[in-house]
Amino acid sequence: MSEKIVDVAAGLILRSDGKLLLGQRPEGKPWAGWWELPGGKLEPGETVLEALARELQEEIGIRVTQSRRWVTYVHAYPHTTVRLAFCHVTGWEGEPKGLENQRLEWVDPARAAEVGDLLPAALPPLRWLQLPTAYSISSAGSRAGAAAYLGRLDAALARGVRLFQFREPAWPDGPAATSLHELLQQVLRRCKAQGARVLVNSAHPAAWWREADGVHLRAADAAGLSARPALPDGALVGVSAHDNAEVLHARDLDADFAVLGPVLDTASHPGAPTLGWEGFEAGIRDAGLPVFALGGQSAATLSQALRHGGHGIAGIRGV
């Protein structure tokens, strides 16, 4: 990796129809002809959001009225290492225009590669955009609670939740494990029908991870790994974390996302130590991947999670 690190603010400018703005690097610049997210280098004394607003005014002629920080990601090019502060731009005035002789295109993030060659550093955020902002964790507990849980699952699917973790550590062992696998099959059928994805917690057999859409690693299980688990193409890996070091380890495992908490008090662990929002923000510093806030989360706290740099919220009751 190059010793020189260049700090860059990059904006994900999303229209209400879900289309994302990309710009093509003009002739005369490195990587000319490749497509990237609009933005540019920080100047001395600027914050990330200040630099982003200035660059977007100069580069594409819009005035940013609302933006928030998202993921900070380091990428090493052959001659330069860039630290990219990816930000969501959710409000602006004016119509984007290529003021530096660059082409602009609005694209579907899931099909962005159709526009042409994408800068390598632009690929991770395009992948992360496919993750929803709500992550629901199962809570059946036993065979007796399965029917009620499936009802809650159906309600969550109807509300638009599209990412689930199958996690049942309290389910009895022995013959009851067979009924737990049957419950997983029912969950998978319901979720597949709605286009939702299911990750199986690493407390459960690895064979189940492959039946689902990937695995969610407990912090202790992630700590014992030095590389991403071998899974089919397209499978997801999530990681539980309690502090910045565990978030950074999730990044080193090439996980797709992490979950950090507890952020706020929970009904299941009243009075237990929590991170608070400042602790959450410190915990995701230089995360290099999206991080969900866990603990005391609900639709009412989603805006706070986003404002503090989180990708979204995760939970059992509130999600």
C-alpha atoms as a PDB file:
ATOM      1  CA  MET A   1       0.000   0.000   0.000  1.00  0.00           C
ATOM      2  CA  SER A   2       1.205   3.496  -0.835  1.00  0.00           C
ATOM      3  CA  GLU A   3       2.347   5.579   2.128  1.00  0.00           C
ATOM      4  CA  LYS A   4       0.429   8.613   0.878  1.00  0.00           C
ATOM      5  CA  ILE A   5      -3.249   8.615   1.768  1.00  0.00           C
ATOM      6  CA  VAL A   6      -5.566  11.032  -0.024  1.00  0.00           C
ATOM      7  CA  ASP A   7      -8.830  11.877   1.752  1.00  0.00           C
ATOM      8  CA  VAL A   8     -11.807  12.034  -0.605  1.00  0.00           C
ATOM      9  CA  ALA A   9     -15.509  12.760  -0.073  1.00  0.00           C
ATOM     10  CA  ALA A  10     -17.754  10.829  -2.474  1.00  0.00           C
ATOM     11  CA  GLY A  11     -21.494  11.317  -2.821  1.00  0.00           C
ATOM     12  CA  LEU A  12     -24.209   8.773  -3.439  1.00  0.00           C
ATOM     13  CA  ILE A  13     -26.833  10.990  -5.045  1.00  0.00           C
ATOM     14  CA  LEU A  14     -30.054   9.012  -5.202  1.00  0.00           C
ATOM     15  CA  ARG A  15     -33.263  10.183  -6.868  1.00  0.00           C
ATOM     16  CA  SER A  16     -36.688   9.272  -5.514  1.00  0.00           C
ATOM     17  CA  ASP A  17     -36.946   6.542  -8.178  1.00  0.00           C
ATOM     18  CA  GLY A  18     -33.837   4.845  -6.755  1.00  0.00           C
ATOM     19  CA  LYS A  19     -31.522   5.843  -9.617  1.00  0.00           C
ATOM     20  CA  LEU A  20     -27.936   6.769  -8.670  1.00  0.00           C
ATOM     21  CA  LEU A  21     -25.812   9.450 -10.341  1.00  0.00           C
ATOM     22  CA  LEU A  22     -22.453   8.401 -11.807  1.00  0.00           C
ATOM     23  CA  GLY A  23     -19.886  10.530 -13.626  1.00  0.00           C
ATOM     24  CA  GLN A  24     -17.340   9.501 -16.249  1.00  0.00           C
ATOM     25  CA  ARG A  25     -13.808  10.712 -15.672  1.00  0.00           C
ATOM     26  CA  PRO A  26     -12.851  13.133 -18.488  1.00  0.00           C
ATOM     27  CA  GLU A  27      -9.864  12.950 -20.801  1.00  0.00           C
ATOM     28  CA  GLY A  28      -6.611  14.130 -19.248  1.00  0.00           C
ATOM     29  CA  LYS A  29      -7.339  12.708 -15.783  1.00  0.00           C
ATOM     30  CA  PRO A  30      -6.079   9.378 -14.402  1.00  0.00           C
ATOM     31  CA  TRP A  31      -8.481   6.540 -15.207  1.00  0.00           C
ATOM     32  CA  ALA A  32     -10.072   8.618 -17.985  1.00  0.00           C
ATOM     33  CA  GLY A  33     -13.272   7.044 -19.301  1.00  0.00           C
ATOM     34  CA  TRP A  34     -13.990   5.113 -16.100  1.00  0.00           C
ATOM     35  CA  TRP A  35     -17.148   5.814 -14.109  1.00  0.00           C
ATOM     36  CA  GLU A  36     -17.175   7.007 -10.499  1.00  0.00           C
ATOM     37  CA  LEU A  37     -19.258   8.577  -7.768  1.00  0.00           C
ATOM     38  CA  PRO A  38     -19.093  12.393  -7.852  1.00  0.00           C
ATOM     39  CA  GLY A  39     -16.880  14.083  -5.259  1.00  0.00           C
ATOM     40  CA  GLY A  40     -13.291  15.051  -4.657  1.00  0.00           C
ATOM     41  CA  LYS A  41     -10.403  15.694  -2.296  1.00  0.00           C
ATOM     42  CA  LEU A  42     -10.733  17.391   1.069  1.00  0.00           C
ATOM     43  CA  GLU A  43      -8.977  20.718   1.408  1.00  0.00           C
ATOM     44  CA  PRO A  44      -7.161  21.662   4.654  1.00  0.00           C
ATOM     45  CA  GLY A  45      -9.617  22.502   7.429  1.00  0.00           C
ATOM     46  CA  GLU A  46     -12.669  21.098   5.656  1.00  0.00           C
ATOM     47  CA  THR A  47     -15.014  18.530   7.122  1.00  0.00           C
ATOM     48  CA  VAL A  48     -16.135  15.678   4.898  1.00  0.00           C
ATOM     49  CA  LEU A  49     -19.589  17.147   4.329  1.00  0.00           C
ATOM     50  CA  GLU A  50     -18.161  20.615   3.616  1.00  0.00           C
ATOM     51  CA  ALA A  51     -15.770  19.163   1.039  1.00  0.00           C
ATOM     52  CA  LEU A  52     -18.551  17.136  -0.545  1.00  0.00           C
ATOM     53  CA  ALA A  53     -20.843  20.167  -0.878  1.00  0.00           C
ATOM     54  CA  ARG A  54     -18.053  22.263  -2.430  1.00  0.00           C
ATOM     55  CA  GLU A  55     -16.992  19.541  -4.861  1.00  0.00           C
ATOM     56  CA  LEU A  56     -20.541  18.852  -6.033  1.00  0.00           C
ATOM     57  CA  GLN A  57     -21.119  22.569  -6.606  1.00  0.00           C
ATOM     58  CA  GLU A  58     -17.918  22.832  -8.632  1.00  0.00           C
ATOM     59  CA  GLU A  59     -18.188  19.508 -10.435  1.00  0.00           C
ATOM     60  CA  ILE A  60     -21.879  19.115 -11.276  1.00  0.00           C
ATOM     61  CA  GLY A  61     -23.460  22.447 -10.300  1.00  0.00           C
ATOM     62  CA  ILE A  62     -25.827  21.381  -7.514  1.00  0.00           C
ATOM     63  CA  ARG A  63     -26.224  22.907  -4.063  1.00  0.00           C
ATOM     64  CA  VAL A  64     -26.402  20.229  -1.366  1.00  0.00           C
ATOM     65  CA  THR A  65     -29.149  20.878   1.180  1.00  0.00           C
ATOM     66  CA  GLN A  66     -29.112  17.531   3.023  1.00  0.00           C
ATOM     67  CA  SER A  67     -26.384  14.907   3.368  1.00  0.00           C
ATOM     68  CA  ARG A  68     -25.024  12.412   5.888  1.00  0.00           C
ATOM     69  CA  ARG A  69     -21.896  10.363   6.318  1.00  0.00           C
ATOM     70  CA  TRP A  70     -22.061   6.643   5.651  1.00  0.00           C
ATOM     71  CA  VAL A  71     -19.027   4.325   5.276  1.00  0.00           C
ATOM     72  CA  THR A  72     -15.338   5.270   5.291  1.00  0.00           C
ATOM     73  CA  TYR A  73     -13.397   2.899   3.054  1.00  0.00           C
ATOM     74  CA  VAL A  74      -9.700   2.711   2.159  1.00  0.00           C
ATOM     75  CA  HIS A  75      -8.669   1.583  -1.331  1.00  0.00           C
ATOM     76  CA  ALA A  76      -5.106   1.192  -2.613  1.00  0.00           C
ATOM     77  CA  TYR A  77      -4.529   2.105  -6.256  1.00  0.00           C
ATOM     78  CA  PRO A  78      -1.094   1.412  -7.819  1.00  0.00           C
ATOM     79  CA  HIS A  79       0.288   4.877  -7.014  1.00  0.00           C
ATOM     80  CA  THR A  80      -2.124   6.309  -4.450  1.00  0.00           C
ATOM     81  CA  THR A  81      -4.135   5.125  -1.488  1.00  0.00           C
ATOM     82  CA  VAL A  82      -7.471   6.876  -1.063  1.00  0.00           C
ATOM     83  CA  ARG A  83      -9.584   7.079   2.071  1.00  0.00           C
ATOM     84  CA  LEU A  84     -13.099   7.520   0.728  1.00  0.00           C
ATOM     85  CA  ALA A  85     -15.757   8.988   2.969  1.00  0.00           C
ATOM     86  CA  PHE A  86     -18.915   7.815   1.238  1.00  0.00           C
ATOM     87  CA  CYS A  87     -21.912  10.030   1.989  1.00  0.00           C
ATOM     88  CA  HIS A  88     -25.591   9.912   1.124  1.00  0.00           C
ATOM     89  CA  VAL A  89     -26.861  13.078  -0.536  1.00  0.00           C
ATOM     90  CA  THR A  90     -30.603  13.199   0.117  1.00  0.00           C
ATOM     91  CA  GLY A  91     -31.396  16.805  -0.745  1.00  0.00           C
ATOM     92  CA  TRP A  92     -30.067  19.225  -3.359  1.00  0.00           C
ATOM     93  CA  GLU A  93     -31.038  22.173  -5.512  1.00  0.00           C
ATOM     94  CA  GLY A  94     -30.386  22.360  -9.244  1.00  0.00           C
ATOM     95  CA  GLU A  95     -30.041  19.796 -12.016  1.00  0.00           C
ATOM     96  CA  PRO A  96     -26.680  17.977 -12.188  1.00  0.00           C
ATOM     97  CA  LYS A  97     -24.577  19.009 -15.201  1.00  0.00           C
ATOM     98  CA  GLY A  98     -21.078  17.924 -16.204  1.00  0.00           C
ATOM     99  CA  LEU A  99     -19.151  21.154 -15.572  1.00  0.00           C
ATOM    100  CA  GLU A 100     -15.762  19.468 -16.132  1.00  0.00           C
ATOM    101  CA  ASN A 101     -16.628  17.973 -19.543  1.00  0.00           C
ATOM    102  CA  GLN A 102     -17.638  14.704 -17.924  1.00  0.00           C
ATOM    103  CA  ARG A 103     -20.637  12.590 -18.892  1.00  0.00           C
ATOM    104  CA  LEU A 104     -23.285  11.965 -16.239  1.00  0.00           C
ATOM    105  CA  GLU A 105     -25.727   9.069 -16.094  1.00  0.00           C
ATOM    106  CA  TRP A 106     -28.535   8.063 -13.719  1.00  0.00           C
ATOM    107  CA  VAL A 107     -28.283   4.283 -13.218  1.00  0.00           C
ATOM    108  CA  ASP A 108     -29.914   1.442 -11.349  1.00  0.00           C
ATOM    109  CA  PRO A 109     -27.312   0.662  -8.626  1.00  0.00           C
ATOM    110  CA  ALA A 110     -27.842  -3.077  -9.116  1.00  0.00           C
ATOM    111  CA  ARG A 111     -27.022  -2.735 -12.846  1.00  0.00           C
ATOM    112  CA  ALA A 112     -24.489   0.089 -12.704  1.00  0.00           C
ATOM    113  CA  ALA A 113     -21.839  -1.920 -14.559  1.00  0.00           C
ATOM    114  CA  GLU A 114     -23.940  -1.655 -17.730  1.00  0.00           C
ATOM    115  CA  VAL A 115     -22.852   1.985 -18.097  1.00  0.00           C
ATOM    116  CA  GLY A 116     -19.201   0.977 -18.572  1.00  0.00           C
ATOM    117  CA  ASP A 117     -16.033   0.342 -16.555  1.00  0.00           C
ATOM    118  CA  LEU A 118     -16.454   1.356 -12.902  1.00  0.00           C
ATOM    119  CA  LEU A 119     -13.571   2.557 -10.754  1.00  0.00           C
ATOM    120  CA  PRO A 120     -12.620  -0.279  -8.360  1.00  0.00           C
ATOM    121  CA  ALA A 121     -13.293   1.913  -5.309  1.00  0.00           C
ATOM    122  CA  ALA A 122     -16.864   2.519  -6.541  1.00  0.00           C
ATOM    123  CA  LEU A 123     -17.778  -1.165  -6.503  1.00  0.00           C
ATOM    124  CA  PRO A 124     -18.199  -1.750  -2.725  1.00  0.00           C
ATOM    125  CA  PRO A 125     -20.759   1.028  -2.125  1.00  0.00           C
ATOM    126  CA  LEU A 126     -22.784  -0.135  -5.114  1.00  0.00           C
ATOM    127  CA  ARG A 127     -22.912  -3.577  -3.489  1.00  0.00           C
ATOM    128  CA  TRP A 128     -23.754  -2.133  -0.067  1.00  0.00           C
ATOM    129  CA  LEU A 129     -26.689  -0.209  -1.515  1.00  0.00           C
ATOM    130  CA  GLN A 130     -28.399  -3.579  -2.044  1.00  0.00           C
ATOM    131  CA  LEU A 131     -28.667  -4.006   1.750  1.00  0.00           C
ATOM    132  CA  PRO A 132     -31.939  -2.771   3.267  1.00  0.00           C
ATOM    133  CA  THR A 133     -31.879  -0.490   6.326  1.00  0.00           C
ATOM    134  CA  ALA A 134     -33.781  -2.928   8.580  1.00  0.00           C
ATOM    135  CA  TYR A 135     -32.418  -6.294   9.756  1.00  0.00           C
ATOM    136  CA  SER A 136     -34.850  -8.513  11.687  1.00  0.00           C
ATOM    137  CA  ILE A 137     -33.679 -11.213  14.118  1.00  0.00           C
ATOM    138  CA  SER A 138     -35.856 -14.233  14.866  1.00  0.00           C
ATOM    139  CA  SER A 139     -37.320 -14.955  18.298  1.00  0.00           C
ATOM    140  CA  ALA A 140     -39.430 -18.124  18.274  1.00  0.00           C
ATOM    141  CA  GLY A 141     -37.654 -19.671  21.287  1.00  0.00           C
ATOM    142  CA  SER A 142     -39.286 -23.108  21.080  1.00  0.00           C
ATOM    143  CA  ARG A 143     -41.703 -25.179  19.050  1.00  0.00           C
ATOM    144  CA  ALA A 144     -44.558 -23.683  21.060  1.00  0.00           C
ATOM    145  CA  GLY A 145     -43.595 -20.211  19.905  1.00  0.00           C
ATOM    146  CA  ALA A 146     -43.074 -21.086  16.235  1.00  0.00           C
ATOM    147  CA  ALA A 147     -46.583 -20.266  14.999  1.00  0.00           C
ATOM    148  CA  ALA A 148     -46.555 -16.850  16.670  1.00  0.00           C
ATOM    149  CA  TYR A 149     -43.108 -16.118  15.233  1.00  0.00           C
ATOM    150  CA  LEU A 150     -44.208 -17.030  11.713  1.00  0.00           C
ATOM    151  CA  GLY A 151     -47.090 -14.598  12.129  1.00  0.00           C
ATOM    152  CA  ARG A 152     -44.642 -11.845  13.110  1.00  0.00           C
ATOM    153  CA  LEU A 153     -42.441 -12.799  10.156  1.00  0.00           C
ATOM    154  CA  ASP A 154     -45.361 -12.462   7.753  1.00  0.00           C
ATOM    155  CA  ALA A 155     -46.193  -9.051   9.229  1.00  0.00           C
ATOM    156  CA  ALA A 156     -42.581  -7.894   8.841  1.00  0.00           C
ATOM    157  CA  LEU A 157     -42.516  -9.080   5.232  1.00  0.00           C
ATOM    158  CA  ALA A 158     -45.749  -7.204   4.578  1.00  0.00           C
ATOM    159  CA  ARG A 159     -44.143  -4.045   6.020  1.00  0.00           C
ATOM    160  CA  GLY A 160     -41.259  -4.427   3.574  1.00  0.00           C
ATOM    161  CA  VAL A 161     -38.505  -5.933   5.753  1.00  0.00           C
ATOM    162  CA  ARG A 162     -36.202  -7.838   3.401  1.00  0.00           C
ATOM    163  CA  LEU A 163     -33.278  -9.055   5.532  1.00  0.00           C
ATOM    164  CA  PHE A 164     -33.624 -11.599   8.342  1.00  0.00           C
ATOM    165  CA  GLN A 165     -31.349 -13.458  10.718  1.00  0.00           C
ATOM    166  CA  PHE A 166     -32.410 -16.943  11.835  1.00  0.00           C
ATOM    167  CA  ARG A 167     -31.102 -17.119  15.397  1.00  0.00           C
ATOM    168  CA  GLU A 168     -32.565 -19.506  17.966  1.00  0.00           C
ATOM    169  CA  PRO A 169     -29.895 -20.236  20.637  1.00  0.00           C
ATOM    170  CA  ALA A 170     -32.504 -21.166  23.260  1.00  0.00           C
ATOM    171  CA  TRP A 171     -34.148 -23.856  21.123  1.00  0.00           C
ATOM    172  CA  PRO A 172     -33.817 -27.237  22.882  1.00  0.00           C
ATOM    173  CA  ASP A 173     -31.263 -29.754  21.586  1.00  0.00           C
ATOM    174  CA  GLY A 174     -31.902 -33.375  20.728  1.00  0.00           C
ATOM    175  CA  PRO A 175     -34.994 -34.341  18.707  1.00  0.00           C
ATOM    176  CA  ALA A 176     -36.245 -30.746  18.951  1.00  0.00           C
ATOM    177  CA  ALA A 177     -33.416 -29.685  16.647  1.00  0.00           C
ATOM    178  CA  THR A 178     -35.281 -31.401  13.800  1.00  0.00           C
ATOM    179  CA  SER A 179     -38.282 -29.148  14.359  1.00  0.00           C
ATOM    180  CA  LEU A 180     -35.950 -26.124  14.374  1.00  0.00           C
ATOM    181  CA  HIS A 181     -34.683 -27.100  10.931  1.00  0.00           C
ATOM    182  CA  GLU A 182     -38.283 -27.439   9.796  1.00  0.00           C
ATOM    183  CA  LEU A 183     -38.952 -23.929  11.076  1.00  0.00           C
ATOM    184  CA  LEU A 184     -35.985 -22.656   9.081  1.00  0.00           C
ATOM    185  CA  GLN A 185     -37.459 -24.273   5.954  1.00  0.00           C
ATOM    186  CA  GLN A 186     -40.741 -22.461   6.529  1.00  0.00           C
ATOM    187  CA  VAL A 187     -38.926 -19.169   7.071  1.00  0.00           C
ATOM    188  CA  LEU A 188     -36.941 -19.657   3.848  1.00  0.00           C
ATOM    189  CA  ARG A 189     -40.065 -20.434   1.818  1.00  0.00           C
ATOM    190  CA  ARG A 190     -41.901 -17.358   3.089  1.00  0.00           C
ATOM    191  CA  CYS A 191     -38.899 -15.070   2.563  1.00  0.00           C
ATOM    192  CA  LYS A 192     -38.054 -16.385  -0.895  1.00  0.00           C
ATOM    193  CA  ALA A 193     -41.624 -15.753  -2.022  1.00  0.00           C
ATOM    194  CA  GLN A 194     -41.203 -12.077  -1.055  1.00  0.00           C
ATOM    195  CA  GLY A 195     -37.657 -11.609  -2.351  1.00  0.00           C
ATOM    196  CA  ALA A 196     -36.209 -11.395   1.173  1.00  0.00           C
ATOM    197  CA  ARG A 197     -32.876 -12.864   2.266  1.00  0.00           C
ATOM    198  CA  VAL A 198     -32.157 -14.984   5.338  1.00  0.00           C
ATOM    199  CA  LEU A 199     -28.840 -15.423   7.139  1.00  0.00           C
ATOM    200  CA  VAL A 200     -28.401 -18.290   9.602  1.00  0.00           C
ATOM    201  CA  ASN A 201     -26.617 -17.524  12.866  1.00  0.00           C
ATOM    202  CA  SER A 202     -23.319 -19.365  13.342  1.00  0.00           C
ATOM    203  CA  ALA A 203     -24.793 -21.052  16.433  1.00  0.00           C
ATOM    204  CA  HIS A 204     -26.520 -23.379  13.948  1.00  0.00           C
ATOM    205  CA  PRO A 205     -24.984 -26.018  11.603  1.00  0.00           C
ATOM    206  CA  ALA A 206     -22.874 -24.762   8.700  1.00  0.00           C
ATOM    207  CA  ALA A 207     -24.942 -26.888   6.317  1.00  0.00           C
ATOM    208  CA  TRP A 208     -27.911 -24.644   7.136  1.00  0.00           C
ATOM    209  CA  TRP A 209     -25.948 -21.507   6.109  1.00  0.00           C
ATOM    210  CA  ARG A 210     -25.741 -22.880   2.578  1.00  0.00           C
ATOM    211  CA  GLU A 211     -29.457 -23.609   2.448  1.00  0.00           C
ATOM    212  CA  ALA A 212     -30.087 -19.973   3.292  1.00  0.00           C
ATOM    213  CA  ASP A 213     -28.515 -16.780   1.898  1.00  0.00           C
ATOM    214  CA  GLY A 214     -25.423 -16.847   4.097  1.00  0.00           C
ATOM    215  CA  VAL A 215     -24.289 -16.697   7.699  1.00  0.00           C
ATOM    216  CA  HIS A 216     -24.301 -14.234  10.559  1.00  0.00           C
ATOM    217  CA  LEU A 217     -21.202 -14.846  12.683  1.00  0.00           C
ATOM    218  CA  ARG A 218     -21.299 -14.390  16.430  1.00  0.00           C
ATOM    219  CA  ALA A 219     -18.452 -12.178  17.647  1.00  0.00           C
ATOM    220  CA  ALA A 220     -16.670 -15.145  19.262  1.00  0.00           C
ATOM    221  CA  ASP A 221     -16.981 -17.218  16.106  1.00  0.00           C
ATOM    222  CA  ALA A 222     -15.701 -14.357  13.955  1.00  0.00           C
ATOM    223  CA  ALA A 223     -12.729 -13.908  16.300  1.00  0.00           C
ATOM    224  CA  GLY A 224     -11.623 -17.451  15.520  1.00  0.00           C
ATOM    225  CA  LEU A 225     -11.497 -16.825  11.770  1.00  0.00           C
ATOM    226  CA  SER A 226      -8.801 -15.223   9.644  1.00  0.00           C
ATOM    227  CA  ALA A 227     -10.751 -15.243   6.370  1.00  0.00           C
ATOM    228  CA  ARG A 228     -14.296 -15.053   5.071  1.00  0.00           C
ATOM    229  CA  PRO A 229     -16.185 -18.368   5.362  1.00  0.00           C
ATOM    230  CA  ALA A 230     -16.375 -20.346   2.116  1.00  0.00           C
ATOM    231  CA  LEU A 231     -19.921 -19.920   0.814  1.00  0.00           C
ATOM    232  CA  PRO A 232     -21.634 -19.994  -2.595  1.00  0.00           C
ATOM    233  CA  ASP A 233     -21.327 -16.922  -4.834  1.00  0.00           C
ATOM    234  CA  GLY A 234     -23.749 -14.221  -3.813  1.00  0.00           C
ATOM    235  CA  ALA A 235     -24.037 -15.400  -0.207  1.00  0.00           C
ATOM    236  CA  LEU A 236     -23.860 -12.769   2.538  1.00  0.00           C
ATOM    237  CA  VAL A 237     -21.703 -12.701   5.665  1.00  0.00           C
ATOM    238  CA  GLY A 238     -22.736 -10.587   8.640  1.00  0.00           C
ATOM    239  CA  VAL A 239     -20.764 -10.223  11.883  1.00  0.00           C
ATOM    240  CA  SER A 240     -21.786  -9.248  15.409  1.00  0.00           C
ATOM    241  CA  ALA A 241     -19.501  -6.707  17.101  1.00  0.00           C
ATOM    242  CA  HIS A 242     -19.360  -4.921  20.444  1.00  0.00           C
ATOM    243  CA  ASP A 243     -16.534  -2.438  19.815  1.00  0.00           C
ATOM    244  CA  ASN A 244     -14.401  -0.863  17.105  1.00  0.00           C
ATOM    245  CA  ALA A 245     -11.823  -3.666  17.130  1.00  0.00           C
ATOM    246  CA  GLU A 246     -14.490  -6.270  16.363  1.00  0.00           C
ATOM    247  CA  VAL A 247     -15.941  -4.062  13.600  1.00  0.00           C
ATOM    248  CA  LEU A 248     -12.497  -3.761  12.033  1.00  0.00           C
ATOM    249  CA  HIS A 249     -12.069  -7.537  12.258  1.00  0.00           C
ATOM    250  CA  ALA A 250     -15.356  -7.927  10.381  1.00  0.00           C
ATOM    251  CA  ARG A 251     -13.873  -5.688   7.682  1.00  0.00           C
ATOM    252  CA  ASP A 252     -10.712  -7.820   7.582  1.00  0.00           C
ATOM    253  CA  LEU A 253     -12.884 -10.931   7.096  1.00  0.00           C
ATOM    254  CA  ASP A 254     -14.423  -9.232   4.038  1.00  0.00           C
ATOM    255  CA  ALA A 255     -17.851  -9.401   5.659  1.00  0.00           C
ATOM    256  CA  ASP A 256     -20.729  -7.702   3.888  1.00  0.00           C
ATOM    257  CA  PHE A 257     -21.822  -5.857   7.021  1.00  0.00           C
ATOM    258  CA  ALA A 258     -21.521  -5.767  10.798  1.00  0.00           C
ATOM    259  CA  VAL A 259     -23.989  -5.240  13.639  1.00  0.00           C
ATOM    260  CA  LEU A 260     -22.768  -3.154  16.591  1.00  0.00           C
ATOM    261  CA  GLY A 261     -24.407  -2.890  20.002  1.00  0.00           C
ATOM    262  CA  PRO A 262     -26.025  -2.644  22.372  1.00  0.00           C
ATOM    263  CA  VAL A 263     -26.550   1.024  21.581  1.00  0.00           C
ATOM    264  CA  LEU A 264     -29.572   1.708  23.820  1.00  0.00           C
ATOM    265  CA  ASP A 265     -31.312  -0.054  26.711  1.00  0.00           C
ATOM    266  CA  THR A 266     -33.274  -3.176  25.810  1.00  0.00           C
ATOM    267  CA  ALA A 267     -36.230  -4.838  27.511  1.00  0.00           C
ATOM    268  CA  SER A 268     -34.336  -8.138  27.650  1.00  0.00           C
ATOM    269  CA  HIS A 269     -31.269  -6.633  29.416  1.00  0.00           C
ATOM    270  CA  PRO A 270     -32.448  -3.642  31.451  1.00  0.00           C
ATOM    271  CA  GLY A 271     -29.631  -1.680  33.054  1.00  0.00           C
ATOM    272  CA  ALA A 272     -26.891  -3.414  31.045  1.00  0.00           C
ATOM    273  CA  PRO A 273     -24.023  -1.180  29.799  1.00  0.00           C
ATOM    274  CA  THR A 274     -24.749   0.454  26.440  1.00  0.00           C
ATOM    275  CA  LEU A 275     -22.665   2.303  23.864  1.00  0.00           C
ATOM    276  CA  GLY A 276     -24.982   5.260  23.361  1.00  0.00           C
ATOM    277  CA  TRP A 277     -24.946   7.058  20.023  1.00  0.00           C
ATOM    278  CA  GLU A 278     -21.532   8.611  20.587  1.00  0.00           C
ATOM    279  CA  GLY A 279     -20.104   5.183  21.391  1.00  0.00           C
ATOM    280  CA  PHE A 280     -21.759   3.749  18.311  1.00  0.00           C
ATOM    281  CA  GLU A 281     -20.215   6.445  16.140  1.00  0.00           C
ATOM    282  CA  ALA A 282     -16.784   5.783  17.674  1.00  0.00           C
ATOM    283  CA  GLY A 283     -17.275   2.052  17.177  1.00  0.00           C
ATOM    284  CA  ILE A 284     -17.821   2.365  13.430  1.00  0.00           C
ATOM    285  CA  ARG A 285     -14.813   4.626  12.845  1.00  0.00           C
ATOM    286  CA  ASP A 286     -12.949   3.529   9.677  1.00  0.00           C
ATOM    287  CA  ALA A 287     -15.339   0.555   9.510  1.00  0.00           C
ATOM    288  CA  GLY A 288     -14.904  -0.028   5.786  1.00  0.00           C
ATOM    289  CA  LEU A 289     -18.326  -1.711   5.606  1.00  0.00           C
ATOM    290  CA  PRO A 290     -21.960  -0.910   6.510  1.00  0.00           C
ATOM    291  CA  VAL A 291     -22.877  -1.265  10.195  1.00  0.00           C
ATOM    292  CA  PHE A 292     -26.348  -1.743  11.685  1.00  0.00           C
ATOM    293  CA  ALA A 293     -27.173  -0.379  15.153  1.00  0.00           C
ATOM    294  CA  LEU A 294     -28.449  -3.026  17.593  1.00  0.00           C
ATOM    295  CA  GLY A 295     -30.120  -2.619  20.977  1.00  0.00           C
ATOM    296  CA  GLY A 296     -33.264  -0.616  21.692  1.00  0.00           C
ATOM    297  CA  GLN A 297     -33.829   0.002  17.987  1.00  0.00           C
ATOM    298  CA  SER A 298     -37.102   0.599  16.171  1.00  0.00           C
ATOM    299  CA  ALA A 299     -38.516   2.652  13.317  1.00  0.00           C
ATOM    300  CA  ALA A 300     -38.342   5.633  15.696  1.00  0.00           C
ATOM    301  CA  THR A 301     -34.532   5.346  16.030  1.00  0.00           C
ATOM    302  CA  LEU A 302     -33.717   4.701  12.365  1.00  0.00           C
ATOM    303  CA  SER A 303     -33.084   8.363  11.609  1.00  0.00           C
ATOM    304  CA  GLN A 304     -30.681   8.574  14.565  1.00  0.00           C
ATOM    305  CA  ALA A 305     -28.781   5.505  13.366  1.00  0.00           C
ATOM    306  CA  LEU A 306     -28.426   7.025   9.904  1.00  0.00           C
ATOM    307  CA  ARG A 307     -27.401  10.407  11.296  1.00  0.00           C
ATOM    308  CA  HIS A 308     -24.602   8.778  13.294  1.00  0.00           C
ATOM    309  CA  GLY A 309     -23.184   6.978  10.250  1.00  0.00           C
ATOM    310  CA  GLY A 310     -25.013   3.675  10.592  1.00  0.00           C
ATOM    311  CA  HIS A 311     -26.473   1.785   7.668  1.00  0.00           C
ATOM    312  CA  GLY A 312     -29.686   1.007   9.499  1.00  0.00           C
ATOM    313  CA  ILE A 313     -31.131  -0.798  12.510  1.00  0.00           C
ATOM    314  CA  ALA A 314     -31.228  -4.418  13.671  1.00  0.00           C
ATOM    315  CA  GLY A 315     -33.355  -6.012  16.344  1.00  0.00           C
ATOM    316  CA  ILE A 316     -35.903  -8.554  17.470  1.00  0.00           C
ATOM    317  CA  ARG A 317     -38.948  -6.687  18.781  1.00  0.00           C
ATOM    318  CA  GLY A 318     -38.603  -3.297  17.142  1.00  0.00           C
ATOM    319  CA  VAL A 319     -37.756  -4.632  13.679  1.00  0.00           C
END
